[in-house]
Amino acid sequence: MSAATGHGTRTAGMLSAASGAATAPGVSAVAGTSTAPELTAVAGASARLRTKLLLLEPEFRGATAHMWRGERLLPRYRAYLCTMHAVIRASVPLMDLALDRTRARAAAGDPLAGPLAAYLEEHIQEEEGHDAWLLEDLRAAGGSPEDALDPLPSPLIASLVGSQYYWIEHHHPVALLGYIAVLEGYAPAPGLTGRIARHTGLPAAALRTVREHAVLDTEHLDELYALLDRLPLGRDREAAVAVSALHSLDALTRLFVRLGRSAPTPSPRGAGPVPSMGVTP
């Protein structure tokens, strides 16, 4: 599952690359991708989901453009790693819970249960250990794992991730597919790694998560879209996926707006509250 960086935007089945100053730095302008009417004409739940997400993309692109500007990028990048760790460390536990609830529904004859469980079983294996990558990147960027592990995650992170726990437990685990679609659909663009290195002087060892997910999430998103198009969702379940996705993209936008502010200098430990991972609660 992607680090939800938002540097590249995957729309209409295409990963668009970062294009520099003419567009948002490190952020796709979604140039060359299909328009919403064209997407609507394509049958399938995945196309309808992408059409809905297009409505929120302009604000999201603006937030990520500001976040990845060159000025004082190093402290923001460290804050970004801490923030994304708080998100990504929940990925496997979320899928574990969804898998458990999906298996329970299989016994009741839920037609979604079989293919959804098979997808989750495979995806859990693919996502194992990605939170550890972020801690390794943070250490290589001059930070400490405690910078990510010790502070209380912000309410924005709790809203982004915690809503999924609620919908899995109290509605239907298929809602998690909307969340996954956003985290993997707004993955790092191929040029972002170089941009960060140029503006921060960081070594390749500090950029693994961004570098790896620029490749991995393209394949993962194709698998997710194929699943959405073959699941017998029905109107209500498809709406649950869409609500989850739209909430996730909105929450990520607000998270990047906060990250785009200059990262504060943490207070000494034990000397009062520490701002949550460089993100203002």
Protein backbone atom coordinates (compact mmCIF):
# COMPACT_ATOMS: atom_id res chain seq x y z
CA MET A 1 0.00 0.00 0.00
CA SER A 2 1.35 3.35 -0.95
CA ALA A 3 2.71 5.90 1.44
CA ALA A 4 -0.13 8.08 0.22
CA THR A 5 2.17 10.76 -0.94
CA GLY A 6 0.16 12.30 -3.71
CA HIS A 7 3.09 13.13 -5.92
CA GLY A 8 1.79 11.20 -8.88
CA THR A 9 -1.85 10.83 -9.76
CA ARG A 10 -3.19 7.64 -11.27
CA THR A 11 -6.28 8.49 -13.29
CA ALA A 12 -8.05 6.51 -15.97
CA GLY A 13 -5.60 3.67 -15.52
CA MET A 14 -2.56 5.85 -16.20
CA LEU A 15 0.26 6.87 -13.87
CA SER A 16 1.14 10.45 -14.70
CA ALA A 17 4.65 11.67 -13.96
CA ALA A 18 5.83 14.74 -12.11
CA SER A 19 6.66 17.51 -14.51
CA GLY A 20 8.45 20.27 -12.65
CA ALA A 21 7.68 23.95 -12.37
CA ALA A 22 5.04 24.14 -15.08
CA THR A 23 2.84 21.93 -12.94
CA ALA A 24 2.83 21.17 -9.27
CA PRO A 25 6.38 20.21 -8.23
CA GLY A 26 6.48 16.48 -7.91
CA VAL A 27 2.75 16.35 -8.59
CA SER A 28 0.98 15.30 -11.75
CA ALA A 29 -1.11 17.78 -13.63
CA VAL A 30 -3.07 14.76 -14.81
CA ALA A 31 -2.08 15.79 -18.30
CA GLY A 32 -3.01 13.37 -21.00
CA THR A 33 -5.48 11.43 -18.88
CA SER A 34 -9.11 10.88 -19.69
CA THR A 35 -11.70 13.45 -18.76
CA ALA A 36 -14.56 12.73 -16.44
CA PRO A 37 -17.13 12.31 -19.28
CA GLU A 38 -14.85 9.80 -20.99
CA LEU A 39 -14.47 7.87 -17.75
CA THR A 40 -18.20 7.83 -17.23
CA ALA A 41 -18.67 6.23 -20.62
CA VAL A 42 -16.48 3.32 -19.54
CA ALA A 43 -18.42 0.58 -17.80
CA GLY A 44 -17.23 -0.62 -14.44
CA ALA A 45 -17.05 0.35 -10.79
CA SER A 46 -13.40 1.38 -11.05
CA ALA A 47 -14.12 3.95 -13.75
CA ARG A 48 -17.01 5.39 -11.78
CA LEU A 49 -14.80 5.65 -8.71
CA ARG A 50 -12.07 7.46 -10.62
CA THR A 51 -14.64 9.90 -11.99
CA LYS A 52 -15.73 10.81 -8.47
CA LEU A 53 -12.15 11.24 -7.25
CA LEU A 54 -11.42 13.68 -10.07
CA LEU A 55 -13.66 16.18 -8.31
CA LEU A 56 -11.26 16.42 -5.35
CA GLU A 57 -7.99 16.23 -7.24
CA PRO A 58 -7.37 19.97 -7.89
CA GLU A 59 -7.30 20.81 -4.19
CA PHE A 60 -5.18 17.75 -3.47
CA ARG A 61 -2.65 18.67 -6.17
CA GLY A 62 -2.37 22.17 -4.75
CA ALA A 63 -1.68 20.84 -1.26
CA THR A 64 1.01 18.43 -2.45
CA ALA A 65 2.62 21.07 -4.65
CA HIS A 66 3.05 23.32 -1.64
CA MET A 67 4.31 20.43 0.47
CA TRP A 68 7.06 19.46 -2.02
CA ARG A 69 8.37 22.96 -2.73
CA GLY A 70 12.15 23.17 -2.51
CA GLU A 71 12.41 25.72 0.29
CA ARG A 72 13.26 24.06 3.64
CA LEU A 73 12.21 20.69 2.29
CA LEU A 74 14.38 18.62 4.62
CA PRO A 75 12.41 19.23 7.86
CA ARG A 76 9.14 18.76 5.97
CA TYR A 77 10.40 15.51 4.49
CA ARG A 78 11.25 14.20 7.95
CA ALA A 79 7.81 15.23 9.19
CA TYR A 80 6.31 13.54 6.14
CA LEU A 81 8.11 10.27 6.96
CA CYS A 82 6.80 10.37 10.53
CA THR A 83 3.28 11.13 9.38
CA MET A 84 3.25 8.44 6.72
CA HIS A 85 4.56 5.92 9.24
CA ALA A 86 1.54 6.63 11.43
CA VAL A 87 -0.67 5.89 8.42
CA ILE A 88 1.17 2.93 6.91
CA ARG A 89 1.73 1.03 10.15
CA ALA A 90 -2.06 0.61 10.23
CA SER A 91 -2.24 -0.91 6.73
CA VAL A 92 -1.71 -4.57 7.62
CA PRO A 93 -3.80 -4.43 10.83
CA LEU A 94 -6.66 -2.86 8.84
CA MET A 95 -6.48 -5.60 6.22
CA ASP A 96 -6.21 -8.29 8.89
CA LEU A 97 -9.42 -7.00 10.48
CA ALA A 98 -11.14 -6.74 7.10
CA LEU A 99 -10.07 -10.29 6.25
CA ASP A 100 -11.41 -11.63 9.54
CA ARG A 101 -14.77 -9.90 9.04
CA THR A 102 -14.90 -11.00 5.40
CA ARG A 103 -14.38 -14.64 6.34
CA ALA A 104 -17.21 -14.35 8.85
CA ARG A 105 -19.47 -13.04 6.10
CA ALA A 106 -18.53 -15.95 3.84
CA ALA A 107 -20.31 -18.32 6.21
CA ALA A 108 -23.45 -16.24 5.76
CA GLY A 109 -23.26 -16.49 1.97
CA ASP A 110 -22.03 -12.95 1.19
CA PRO A 111 -21.16 -13.03 -2.55
CA LEU A 112 -18.35 -10.52 -2.03
CA ALA A 113 -16.57 -12.61 0.58
CA GLY A 114 -14.67 -15.08 -1.61
CA PRO A 115 -12.91 -12.67 -4.01
CA LEU A 116 -12.47 -10.00 -1.33
CA ALA A 117 -10.81 -12.47 1.06
CA ALA A 118 -8.49 -13.75 -1.68
CA TYR A 119 -7.43 -10.19 -2.52
CA LEU A 120 -6.80 -9.28 1.11
CA GLU A 121 -4.78 -12.43 1.78
CA GLU A 122 -2.44 -11.61 -1.10
CA HIS A 123 -2.25 -7.89 -0.39
CA ILE A 124 -1.39 -8.40 3.26
CA GLN A 125 1.70 -10.34 2.19
CA GLU A 126 2.66 -7.59 -0.27
CA GLU A 127 2.41 -4.85 2.37
CA GLU A 128 4.27 -6.53 5.22
CA GLY A 129 7.19 -4.48 6.50
CA HIS A 130 6.53 -1.25 4.61
CA ASP A 131 6.21 0.68 7.86
CA ALA A 132 9.77 -0.44 8.70
CA TRP A 133 10.98 1.13 5.44
CA LEU A 134 9.76 4.50 6.67
CA LEU A 135 11.67 4.20 9.93
CA GLU A 136 14.83 3.25 8.02
CA ASP A 137 14.34 6.25 5.72
CA LEU A 138 13.84 8.50 8.74
CA ARG A 139 17.06 7.31 10.34
CA ALA A 140 18.98 7.85 7.09
CA ALA A 141 17.45 11.35 6.84
CA GLY A 142 18.93 12.33 10.20
CA GLY A 143 15.88 11.60 12.31
CA SER A 144 15.14 8.95 14.90
CA PRO A 145 12.49 6.20 14.90
CA GLU A 146 11.25 7.67 18.18
CA ASP A 147 10.26 10.80 16.26
CA ALA A 148 7.61 8.68 14.55
CA LEU A 149 6.79 6.23 17.31
CA ASP A 150 6.50 8.42 20.41
CA PRO A 151 4.08 11.28 19.61
CA LEU A 152 0.32 10.87 19.64
CA PRO A 153 -0.91 10.67 16.02
CA SER A 154 -2.88 13.74 15.06
CA PRO A 155 -6.69 13.83 14.81
CA LEU A 156 -6.31 14.05 11.03
CA ILE A 157 -4.51 10.72 10.96
CA ALA A 158 -7.09 9.24 13.33
CA SER A 159 -9.84 10.47 10.99
CA LEU A 160 -8.15 9.02 7.92
CA VAL A 161 -7.34 5.61 9.37
CA GLY A 162 -9.88 5.28 12.16
CA SER A 163 -12.87 5.68 9.86
CA GLN A 164 -11.80 2.48 8.12
CA TYR A 165 -11.85 0.51 11.37
CA TYR A 166 -15.38 1.75 11.99
CA TRP A 167 -16.70 0.91 8.52
CA ILE A 168 -15.06 -2.53 8.53
CA GLU A 169 -16.49 -3.36 11.94
CA HIS A 170 -19.89 -1.74 11.69
CA HIS A 171 -20.75 -1.72 7.98
CA HIS A 172 -18.88 -3.91 5.49
CA PRO A 173 -15.15 -4.65 4.97
CA VAL A 174 -15.46 -3.87 1.26
CA ALA A 175 -15.33 -0.17 2.24
CA LEU A 176 -11.59 -0.60 2.80
CA LEU A 177 -11.11 -0.89 -0.97
CA GLY A 178 -11.88 2.83 -1.32
CA TYR A 179 -9.13 3.67 1.14
CA ILE A 180 -6.66 1.39 -0.63
CA ALA A 181 -7.60 2.91 -4.00
CA VAL A 182 -6.61 6.35 -2.74
CA LEU A 183 -3.39 5.34 -1.00
CA GLU A 184 -2.21 3.48 -4.08
CA GLY A 185 -3.80 5.74 -6.67
CA TYR A 186 -1.94 8.81 -5.44
CA ALA A 187 1.49 7.27 -5.30
CA PRO A 188 4.92 8.88 -5.73
CA ALA A 189 5.69 10.04 -9.24
CA PRO A 190 8.93 8.71 -10.74
CA GLY A 191 10.66 12.10 -10.59
CA LEU A 192 10.01 12.79 -6.93
CA THR A 193 12.99 10.88 -5.57
CA GLY A 194 15.39 13.00 -7.58
CA ARG A 195 13.65 16.20 -6.56
CA ILE A 196 13.93 15.38 -2.86
CA ALA A 197 17.59 14.43 -3.25
CA ARG A 198 18.41 17.68 -5.07
CA HIS A 199 16.77 19.94 -2.52
CA THR A 200 17.86 18.10 0.62
CA GLY A 201 21.16 16.43 -0.27
CA LEU A 202 19.85 13.18 1.21
CA PRO A 203 21.32 9.84 0.13
CA ALA A 204 19.38 7.12 -1.66
CA ALA A 205 19.06 5.24 1.64
CA ALA A 206 16.69 7.96 2.91
CA LEU A 207 14.37 7.69 -0.10
CA ARG A 208 13.47 4.01 -0.31
CA THR A 209 9.77 4.33 0.42
CA VAL A 210 9.19 7.00 -2.22
CA ARG A 211 11.36 5.17 -4.76
CA GLU A 212 9.80 1.73 -4.25
CA HIS A 213 6.20 2.87 -4.23
CA ALA A 214 6.60 4.75 -7.49
CA VAL A 215 6.86 1.26 -9.03
CA LEU A 216 4.88 -1.02 -6.72
CA ASP A 217 1.65 0.95 -6.57
CA THR A 218 1.17 0.92 -10.33
CA GLU A 219 0.81 -2.87 -10.27
CA HIS A 220 -1.20 -2.88 -7.05
CA LEU A 221 -3.71 -0.37 -8.38
CA ASP A 222 -4.32 -2.41 -11.52
CA GLU A 223 -5.12 -5.41 -9.32
CA LEU A 224 -7.51 -3.37 -7.20
CA TYR A 225 -9.35 -1.90 -10.18
CA ALA A 226 -9.73 -5.36 -11.69
CA LEU A 227 -11.21 -6.58 -8.39
CA LEU A 228 -13.68 -3.69 -8.22
CA ASP A 229 -14.88 -4.43 -11.73
CA ARG A 230 -15.53 -8.11 -11.08
CA LEU A 231 -17.08 -7.86 -7.62
CA PRO A 232 -20.90 -8.04 -7.55
CA LEU A 233 -21.00 -4.82 -5.54
CA GLY A 234 -24.50 -3.55 -6.11
CA ARG A 235 -25.42 0.08 -5.55
CA ASP A 236 -25.03 0.12 -1.76
CA ARG A 237 -21.64 -1.60 -1.59
CA GLU A 238 -20.27 0.48 -4.45
CA ALA A 239 -21.43 3.60 -2.61
CA ALA A 240 -19.57 2.42 0.51
CA VAL A 241 -16.34 2.10 -1.49
CA ALA A 242 -16.86 5.57 -2.99
CA VAL A 243 -17.60 7.23 0.36
CA SER A 244 -14.49 5.64 1.85
CA ALA A 245 -12.36 6.81 -1.08
CA LEU A 246 -13.68 10.37 -1.09
CA HIS A 247 -13.23 10.69 2.67
CA SER A 248 -9.69 9.33 2.36
CA LEU A 249 -8.69 11.76 -0.36
CA ASP A 250 -10.21 14.68 1.54
CA ALA A 251 -8.37 13.65 4.73
CA LEU A 252 -5.10 13.27 2.84
CA THR A 253 -5.53 16.72 1.34
CA ARG A 254 -5.94 18.24 4.79
CA LEU A 255 -2.97 16.23 6.02
CA PHE A 256 -0.75 17.59 3.23
CA VAL A 257 -1.95 21.13 3.87
CA ARG A 258 -0.64 20.76 7.42
CA LEU A 259 2.57 19.11 6.26
CA GLY A 260 3.10 21.96 3.81
CA ARG A 261 3.61 24.34 6.67
CA SER A 262 7.20 24.61 7.87
CA ALA A 263 7.85 21.73 10.23
CA PRO A 264 8.19 23.02 13.79
CA THR A 265 11.18 22.27 15.95
CA PRO A 266 10.04 19.59 18.41
CA SER A 267 10.05 20.49 22.08
CA PRO A 268 12.55 18.59 24.23
CA ARG A 269 11.01 15.33 25.38
CA GLY A 270 9.44 15.70 28.79
CA ALA A 271 9.12 19.47 28.42
CA GLY A 272 5.50 19.60 27.40
CA PRO A 273 3.44 18.35 24.46
CA VAL A 274 5.33 17.54 21.27
CA PRO A 275 3.52 18.51 18.06
CA SER A 276 2.29 15.30 16.48
CA MET A 277 4.86 14.29 13.84
CA GLY A 278 5.26 17.83 12.61
CA VAL A 279 1.54 18.04 11.91
CA THR A 280 -0.49 20.58 13.81
CA PRO A 281 -3.37 18.70 15.50
